[in-house]
């Protein structure tokens, strides 16, 4: 049975330009670091902070190729 208390994350966001970092969220990242991607995303959406172009230009990653992964070399063989 899944815990219903943490199945949805709730962000409490006050639209204040100087204190947008004081907002709260119930996600695990916020509970550990006191900042999360949800708060940063809402601040960027309401134009309270700006995302640098260097961060926007980083590629997110590539999809894995189809098929089985190639067999790996043995880790404990000394050459």
PDB file of N, CA and C in Angstrom:
ATOM      1  N   UNK A   1       0.838  -1.176   0.000  1.00  0.00           N
ATOM      2  CA  UNK A   1       0.000   0.000   0.000  1.00  0.00           C
ATOM      3  C   UNK A   1       0.885   1.243   0.000  1.00  0.00           C
ATOM      4  N   UNK A   2       0.629   2.143  -0.922  1.00  0.00           N
ATOM      5  CA  UNK A   2       1.443   3.340  -1.077  1.00  0.00           C
ATOM      6  C   UNK A   2       1.050   4.390  -0.035  1.00  0.00           C
ATOM      7  N   UNK A   3       2.047   5.096   0.453  1.00  0.00           N
ATOM      8  CA  UNK A   3       1.799   6.142   1.437  1.00  0.00           C
ATOM      9  C   UNK A   3       1.102   7.312   0.747  1.00  0.00           C
ATOM     10  N   UNK A   4      -0.123   7.599   1.130  1.00  0.00           N
ATOM     11  CA  UNK A   4      -0.907   8.654   0.492  1.00  0.00           C
ATOM     12  C   UNK A   4      -0.461  10.051   0.915  1.00  0.00           C
ATOM     13  N   UNK A   5       0.276  10.149   2.000  1.00  0.00           N
ATOM     14  CA  UNK A   5       0.684  11.453   2.486  1.00  0.00           C
ATOM     15  C   UNK A   5       1.677  12.119   1.535  1.00  0.00           C
ATOM     16  N   UNK A   6       2.579  11.359   0.942  1.00  0.00           N
ATOM     17  CA  UNK A   6       3.608  11.935   0.074  1.00  0.00           C
ATOM     18  C   UNK A   6       3.406  11.576  -1.393  1.00  0.00           C
ATOM     19  N   UNK A   7       2.190  11.197  -1.795  1.00  0.00           N
ATOM     20  CA  UNK A   7       1.990  10.829  -3.186  1.00  0.00           C
ATOM     21  C   UNK A   7       1.920  12.060  -4.089  1.00  0.00           C
ATOM     22  N   UNK A   8       1.526  13.214  -3.541  1.00  0.00           N
ATOM     23  CA  UNK A   8       1.521  14.466  -4.292  1.00  0.00           C
ATOM     24  C   UNK A   8       2.356  15.481  -3.528  1.00  0.00           C
ATOM     25  N   UNK A   9       3.096  16.308  -4.265  1.00  0.00           N
ATOM     26  CA  UNK A   9       3.921  17.320  -3.621  1.00  0.00           C
ATOM     27  C   UNK A   9       3.201  18.651  -3.679  1.00  0.00           C
ATOM     28  N   UNK A  10       3.255  19.362  -2.597  1.00  0.00           N
ATOM     29  CA  UNK A  10       2.548  20.627  -2.488  1.00  0.00           C
ATOM     30  C   UNK A  10       3.562  21.742  -2.283  1.00  0.00           C
ATOM     31  N   UNK A  11       3.501  22.748  -3.158  1.00  0.00           N
ATOM     32  CA  UNK A  11       4.382  23.907  -3.036  1.00  0.00           C
ATOM     33  C   UNK A  11       3.575  25.088  -2.520  1.00  0.00           C
ATOM     34  N   UNK A  12       4.093  25.726  -1.499  1.00  0.00           N
ATOM     35  CA  UNK A  12       3.495  26.955  -0.998  1.00  0.00           C
ATOM     36  C   UNK A  12       4.362  28.095  -1.506  1.00  0.00           C
ATOM     37  N   UNK A  13       3.844  28.846  -2.473  1.00  0.00           N
ATOM     38  CA  UNK A  13       4.644  29.853  -3.163  1.00  0.00           C
ATOM     39  C   UNK A  13       4.021  31.226  -2.962  1.00  0.00           C
ATOM     40  N   UNK A  14       4.762  32.112  -2.320  1.00  0.00           N
ATOM     41  CA  UNK A  14       4.337  33.495  -2.143  1.00  0.00           C
ATOM     42  C   UNK A  14       5.018  34.335  -3.212  1.00  0.00           C
ATOM     43  N   UNK A  15       4.251  35.159  -3.891  1.00  0.00           N
ATOM     44  CA  UNK A  15       4.766  35.935  -5.015  1.00  0.00           C
ATOM     45  C   UNK A  15       5.452  37.209  -4.510  1.00  0.00           C
ATOM     46  N   UNK A  16       6.590  37.036  -3.862  1.00  0.00           N
ATOM     47  CA  UNK A  16       7.380  38.160  -3.371  1.00  0.00           C
ATOM     48  C   UNK A  16       8.740  38.121  -4.054  1.00  0.00           C
ATOM     49  N   UNK A  17       9.147  39.232  -4.631  1.00  0.00           N
ATOM     50  CA  UNK A  17      10.362  39.236  -5.441  1.00  0.00           C
ATOM     51  C   UNK A  17      11.630  39.053  -4.616  1.00  0.00           C
ATOM     52  N   UNK A  18      11.667  39.528  -3.386  1.00  0.00           N
ATOM     53  CA  UNK A  18      12.911  39.440  -2.626  1.00  0.00           C
ATOM     54  C   UNK A  18      13.018  38.178  -1.788  1.00  0.00           C
ATOM     55  N   UNK A  19      11.914  37.526  -1.470  1.00  0.00           N
ATOM     56  CA  UNK A  19      11.957  36.361  -0.590  1.00  0.00           C
ATOM     57  C   UNK A  19      11.422  35.097  -1.263  1.00  0.00           C
ATOM     58  N   UNK A  20      11.660  34.902  -2.536  1.00  0.00           N
ATOM     59  CA  UNK A  20      11.117  33.719  -3.201  1.00  0.00           C
ATOM     60  C   UNK A  20      11.845  32.450  -2.767  1.00  0.00           C
ATOM     61  N   UNK A  21      13.038  32.567  -2.186  1.00  0.00           N
ATOM     62  CA  UNK A  21      13.751  31.376  -1.714  1.00  0.00           C
ATOM     63  C   UNK A  21      13.214  30.867  -0.382  1.00  0.00           C
ATOM     64  N   UNK A  22      12.344  31.605   0.274  1.00  0.00           N
ATOM     65  CA  UNK A  22      11.772  31.200   1.560  1.00  0.00           C
ATOM     66  C   UNK A  22      10.507  30.358   1.398  1.00  0.00           C
ATOM     67  N   UNK A  23      10.102  30.048   0.181  1.00  0.00           N
ATOM     68  CA  UNK A  23       8.908  29.248  -0.054  1.00  0.00           C
ATOM     69  C   UNK A  23       9.162  27.795   0.329  1.00  0.00           C
ATOM     70  N   UNK A  24       8.087  27.025   0.459  1.00  0.00           N
ATOM     71  CA  UNK A  24       8.213  25.645   0.910  1.00  0.00           C
ATOM     72  C   UNK A  24       7.622  24.683  -0.105  1.00  0.00           C
ATOM     73  N   UNK A  25       8.079  23.447  -0.026  1.00  0.00           N
ATOM     74  CA  UNK A  25       7.594  22.361  -0.874  1.00  0.00           C
ATOM     75  C   UNK A  25       7.657  21.080  -0.047  1.00  0.00           C
ATOM     76  N   UNK A  26       6.846  20.102  -0.414  1.00  0.00           N
ATOM     77  CA  UNK A  26       6.825  18.855   0.359  1.00  0.00           C
ATOM     78  C   UNK A  26       7.585  17.725  -0.332  1.00  0.00           C
ATOM     79  N   UNK A  27       8.370  18.034  -1.366  1.00  0.00           N
ATOM     80  CA  UNK A  27       9.114  16.984  -2.065  1.00  0.00           C
ATOM     81  C   UNK A  27      10.351  16.582  -1.254  1.00  0.00           C
ATOM     82  N   UNK A  28      10.916  15.391  -1.499  1.00  0.00           N
ATOM     83  CA  UNK A  28      12.085  14.933  -0.736  1.00  0.00           C
ATOM     84  C   UNK A  28      13.319  15.816  -0.903  1.00  0.00           C
ATOM     85  N   UNK A  29      13.506  16.411  -2.080  1.00  0.00           N
ATOM     86  CA  UNK A  29      14.674  17.269  -2.293  1.00  0.00           C
ATOM     87  C   UNK A  29      14.596  18.517  -1.417  1.00  0.00           C
ATOM     88  N   UNK A  30      13.404  19.091  -1.280  1.00  0.00           N
ATOM     89  CA  UNK A  30      13.262  20.268  -0.418  1.00  0.00           C
ATOM     90  C   UNK A  30      13.471  19.906   1.044  1.00  0.00           C
ATOM     91  N   UNK A  31      12.971  18.754   1.452  1.00  0.00           N
ATOM     92  CA  UNK A  31      13.124  18.352   2.845  1.00  0.00           C
ATOM     93  C   UNK A  31      14.587  18.138   3.214  1.00  0.00           C
ATOM     94  N   UNK A  32      15.426  17.825   2.223  1.00  0.00           N
ATOM     95  CA  UNK A  32      16.846  17.600   2.489  1.00  0.00           C
ATOM     96  C   UNK A  32      17.682  18.869   2.314  1.00  0.00           C
ATOM     97  N   UNK A  33      17.431  19.639   1.225  1.00  0.00           N
ATOM     98  CA  UNK A  33      18.294  20.770   0.881  1.00  0.00           C
ATOM     99  C   UNK A  33      17.645  22.141   1.078  1.00  0.00           C
ATOM    100  N   UNK A  34      16.353  22.197   1.408  1.00  0.00           N
ATOM    101  CA  UNK A  34      15.596  23.436   1.591  1.00  0.00           C
ATOM    102  C   UNK A  34      15.490  24.266   0.321  1.00  0.00           C
ATOM    103  N   UNK A  35      15.688  23.656  -0.838  1.00  0.00           N
ATOM    104  CA  UNK A  35      15.429  24.261  -2.146  1.00  0.00           C
ATOM    105  C   UNK A  35      15.171  23.109  -3.105  1.00  0.00           C
ATOM    106  N   UNK A  36      14.307  23.321  -4.091  1.00  0.00           N
ATOM    107  CA  UNK A  36      14.025  22.245  -5.040  1.00  0.00           C
ATOM    108  C   UNK A  36      13.707  22.832  -6.404  1.00  0.00           C
ATOM    109  N   UNK A  37      13.612  21.954  -7.402  1.00  0.00           N
ATOM    110  CA  UNK A  37      13.367  22.392  -8.770  1.00  0.00           C
ATOM    111  C   UNK A  37      11.973  22.976  -8.936  1.00  0.00           C
ATOM    112  N   UNK A  38      11.041  22.604  -8.081  1.00  0.00           N
ATOM    113  CA  UNK A  38       9.687  23.134  -8.182  1.00  0.00           C
ATOM    114  C   UNK A  38       9.656  24.617  -7.819  1.00  0.00           C
ATOM    115  N   UNK A  39      10.365  24.992  -6.764  1.00  0.00           N
ATOM    116  CA  UNK A  39      10.410  26.391  -6.343  1.00  0.00           C
ATOM    117  C   UNK A  39      11.162  27.232  -7.366  1.00  0.00           C
ATOM    118  N   UNK A  40      12.266  26.712  -7.892  1.00  0.00           N
ATOM    119  CA  UNK A  40      13.028  27.447  -8.907  1.00  0.00           C
ATOM    120  C   UNK A  40      12.201  27.593 -10.180  1.00  0.00           C
ATOM    121  N   UNK A  41      11.472  26.542 -10.558  1.00  0.00           N
ATOM    122  CA  UNK A  41      10.618  26.610 -11.743  1.00  0.00           C
ATOM    123  C   UNK A  41       9.501  27.625 -11.598  1.00  0.00           C
ATOM    124  N   UNK A  42       8.870  27.674 -10.430  1.00  0.00           N
ATOM    125  CA  UNK A  42       7.816  28.665 -10.206  1.00  0.00           C
ATOM    126  C   UNK A  42       8.384  30.081 -10.183  1.00  0.00           C
ATOM    127  N   UNK A  43       9.561  30.259  -9.602  1.00  0.00           N
ATOM    128  CA  UNK A  43      10.188  31.583  -9.579  1.00  0.00           C
ATOM    129  C   UNK A  43      10.551  32.035 -10.992  1.00  0.00           C
ATOM    130  N   UNK A  44      11.012  31.116 -11.824  1.00  0.00           N
ATOM    131  CA  UNK A  44      11.329  31.468 -13.210  1.00  0.00           C
ATOM    132  C   UNK A  44      10.052  31.772 -13.989  1.00  0.00           C
ATOM    133  N   UNK A  45       8.986  31.044 -13.710  1.00  0.00           N
ATOM    134  CA  UNK A  45       7.714  31.277 -14.409  1.00  0.00           C
ATOM    135  C   UNK A  45       7.130  32.646 -14.068  1.00  0.00           C
ATOM    136  N   UNK A  46       7.238  33.052 -12.806  1.00  0.00           N
ATOM    137  CA  UNK A  46       6.737  34.358 -12.380  1.00  0.00           C
ATOM    138  C   UNK A  46       7.773  35.465 -12.558  1.00  0.00           C
ATOM    139  N   UNK A  47       8.897  35.140 -13.196  1.00  0.00           N
ATOM    140  CA  UNK A  47       9.976  36.080 -13.520  1.00  0.00           C
ATOM    141  C   UNK A  47      10.564  36.745 -12.274  1.00  0.00           C
ATOM    142  N   UNK A  48      10.709  35.944 -11.208  1.00  0.00           N
ATOM    143  CA  UNK A  48      11.375  36.426 -10.003  1.00  0.00           C
ATOM    144  C   UNK A  48      12.865  36.133 -10.042  1.00  0.00           C
ATOM    145  N   UNK A  49      13.278  35.194 -10.882  1.00  0.00           N
ATOM    146  CA  UNK A  49      14.690  34.907 -11.098  1.00  0.00           C
ATOM    147  C   UNK A  49      14.862  34.573 -12.572  1.00  0.00           C
ATOM    148  N   UNK A  50      16.085  34.613 -13.045  1.00  0.00           N
ATOM    149  CA  UNK A  50      16.342  34.293 -14.447  1.00  0.00           C
ATOM    150  C   UNK A  50      17.268  33.088 -14.524  1.00  0.00           C
ATOM    151  N   UNK A  51      17.003  32.219 -15.475  1.00  0.00           N
ATOM    152  CA  UNK A  51      17.820  31.034 -15.705  1.00  0.00           C
ATOM    153  C   UNK A  51      18.925  31.424 -16.684  1.00  0.00           C
ATOM    154  N   UNK A  52      20.209  31.191 -16.365  1.00  0.00           N
ATOM    155  CA  UNK A  52      21.289  31.576 -17.280  1.00  0.00           C
ATOM    156  C   UNK A  52      21.261  30.760 -18.573  1.00  0.00           C
ATOM    157  N   UNK A  53      21.737  31.363 -19.646  1.00  0.00           N
ATOM    158  CA  UNK A  53      21.749  30.690 -20.943  1.00  0.00           C
ATOM    159  C   UNK A  53      22.656  29.469 -20.940  1.00  0.00           C
ATOM    160  N   UNK A  54      23.720  29.482 -20.131  1.00  0.00           N
ATOM    161  CA  UNK A  54      24.612  28.327 -20.062  1.00  0.00           C
ATOM    162  C   UNK A  54      23.860  27.099 -19.569  1.00  0.00           C
ATOM    163  N   UNK A  55      22.945  27.289 -18.648  1.00  0.00           N
ATOM    164  CA  UNK A  55      22.167  26.162 -18.128  1.00  0.00           C
ATOM    165  C   UNK A  55      21.144  25.678 -19.146  1.00  0.00           C
ATOM    166  N   UNK A  56      20.625  26.586 -19.958  1.00  0.00           N
ATOM    167  CA  UNK A  56      19.628  26.198 -20.961  1.00  0.00           C
ATOM    168  C   UNK A  56      20.258  25.471 -22.143  1.00  0.00           C
ATOM    169  N   UNK A  57      21.536  25.715 -22.414  1.00  0.00           N
ATOM    170  CA  UNK A  57      22.194  25.133 -23.581  1.00  0.00           C
ATOM    171  C   UNK A  57      22.801  23.763 -23.327  1.00  0.00           C
ATOM    172  N   UNK A  58      22.778  23.276 -22.096  1.00  0.00           N
ATOM    173  CA  UNK A  58      23.348  21.964 -21.784  1.00  0.00           C
ATOM    174  C   UNK A  58      22.408  20.878 -22.292  1.00  0.00           C
ATOM    175  N   UNK A  59      22.905  19.917 -23.089  1.00  0.00           N
ATOM    176  CA  UNK A  59      22.023  18.832 -23.541  1.00  0.00           C
ATOM    177  C   UNK A  59      21.628  17.942 -22.374  1.00  0.00           C
ATOM    178  N   UNK A  60      20.401  17.460 -22.405  1.00  0.00           N
ATOM    179  CA  UNK A  60      19.880  16.676 -21.291  1.00  0.00           C
ATOM    180  C   UNK A  60      20.361  15.239 -21.299  1.00  0.00           C
ATOM    181  N   UNK A  61      20.788  14.730 -22.422  1.00  0.00           N
ATOM    182  CA  UNK A  61      21.244  13.345 -22.483  1.00  0.00           C
ATOM    183  C   UNK A  61      20.688  12.658 -23.712  1.00  0.00           C
ATOM    184  N   UNK A  62      21.182  11.479 -23.973  1.00  0.00           N
ATOM    185  CA  UNK A  62      20.750  10.734 -25.140  1.00  0.00           C
ATOM    186  C   UNK A  62      19.961   9.520 -24.703  1.00  0.00           C
ATOM    187  N   UNK A  63      19.079   9.091 -25.590  1.00  0.00           N
ATOM    188  CA  UNK A  63      18.321   7.881 -25.321  1.00  0.00           C
ATOM    189  C   UNK A  63      19.223   6.667 -25.489  1.00  0.00           C
ATOM    190  N   UNK A  64      18.907   5.610 -24.786  1.00  0.00           N
ATOM    191  CA  UNK A  64      19.671   4.373 -24.930  1.00  0.00           C
ATOM    192  C   UNK A  64      19.336   3.736 -26.267  1.00  0.00           C
ATOM    193  N   UNK A  65      20.314   3.055 -26.829  1.00  0.00           N
ATOM    194  CA  UNK A  65      20.101   2.367 -28.099  1.00  0.00           C
ATOM    195  C   UNK A  65      19.255   1.128 -27.890  1.00  0.00           C
ATOM    196  N   UNK A  66      18.621   0.688 -28.950  1.00  0.00           N
ATOM    197  CA  UNK A  66      17.799  -0.504 -28.885  1.00  0.00           C
ATOM    198  C   UNK A  66      18.659  -1.745 -28.751  1.00  0.00           C
ATOM    199  N   UNK A  67      18.088  -2.764 -28.163  1.00  0.00           N
ATOM    200  CA  UNK A  67      18.779  -4.039 -28.075  1.00  0.00           C
ATOM    201  C   UNK A  67      19.488  -4.252 -26.755  1.00  0.00           C
ATOM    202  N   UNK A  68      20.142  -5.384 -26.695  1.00  0.00           N
ATOM    203  CA  UNK A  68      20.836  -5.778 -25.480  1.00  0.00           C
ATOM    204  C   UNK A  68      22.147  -5.014 -25.335  1.00  0.00           C
ATOM    205  N   UNK A  69      22.531  -4.732 -24.110  1.00  0.00           N
ATOM    206  CA  UNK A  69      23.778  -4.033 -23.824  1.00  0.00           C
ATOM    207  C   UNK A  69      24.946  -4.973 -24.118  1.00  0.00           C
ATOM    208  N   UNK A  70      26.035  -4.424 -24.668  1.00  0.00           N
ATOM    209  CA  UNK A  70      27.207  -5.237 -24.986  1.00  0.00           C
ATOM    210  C   UNK A  70      27.800  -5.834 -23.718  1.00  0.00           C
ATOM    211  N   UNK A  71      28.404  -7.007 -23.831  1.00  0.00           N
ATOM    212  CA  UNK A  71      28.967  -7.687 -22.675  1.00  0.00           C
ATOM    213  C   UNK A  71      30.163  -6.898 -22.146  1.00  0.00           C
ATOM    214  N   UNK A  72      30.173  -6.671 -20.855  1.00  0.00           N
ATOM    215  CA  UNK A  72      31.233  -5.889 -20.233  1.00  0.00           C
ATOM    216  C   UNK A  72      32.471  -6.738 -19.988  1.00  0.00           C
ATOM    217  N   UNK A  73      33.622  -6.077 -19.885  1.00  0.00           N
ATOM    218  CA  UNK A  73      34.863  -6.770 -19.555  1.00  0.00           C
ATOM    219  C   UNK A  73      34.849  -7.146 -18.082  1.00  0.00           C
ATOM    220  N   UNK A  74      35.593  -8.156 -17.730  1.00  0.00           N
ATOM    221  CA  UNK A  74      35.648  -8.584 -16.338  1.00  0.00           C
ATOM    222  C   UNK A  74      36.464  -7.582 -15.532  1.00  0.00           C
ATOM    223  N   UNK A  75      35.967  -7.253 -14.360  1.00  0.00           N
ATOM    224  CA  UNK A  75      36.555  -6.176 -13.572  1.00  0.00           C
ATOM    225  C   UNK A  75      37.798  -6.603 -12.799  1.00  0.00           C
ATOM    226  N   UNK A  76      37.919  -7.864 -12.422  1.00  0.00           N
ATOM    227  CA  UNK A  76      38.989  -8.271 -11.519  1.00  0.00           C
ATOM    228  C   UNK A  76      40.176  -8.930 -12.208  1.00  0.00           C
ATOM    229  N   UNK A  77      40.241  -8.890 -13.521  1.00  0.00           N
ATOM    230  CA  UNK A  77      41.374  -9.471 -14.240  1.00  0.00           C
ATOM    231  C   UNK A  77      42.510  -8.453 -14.271  1.00  0.00           C
ATOM    232  N   UNK A  78      43.712  -8.859 -13.815  1.00  0.00           N
ATOM    233  CA  UNK A  78      44.876  -7.987 -13.802  1.00  0.00           C
ATOM    234  C   UNK A  78      45.664  -8.245 -15.074  1.00  0.00           C
ATOM    235  N   UNK A  79      46.015  -7.188 -15.775  1.00  0.00           N
ATOM    236  CA  UNK A  79      46.755  -7.341 -17.033  1.00  0.00           C
ATOM    237  C   UNK A  79      48.231  -7.135 -16.816  1.00  0.00           C
TER     238      UNK A  79
END
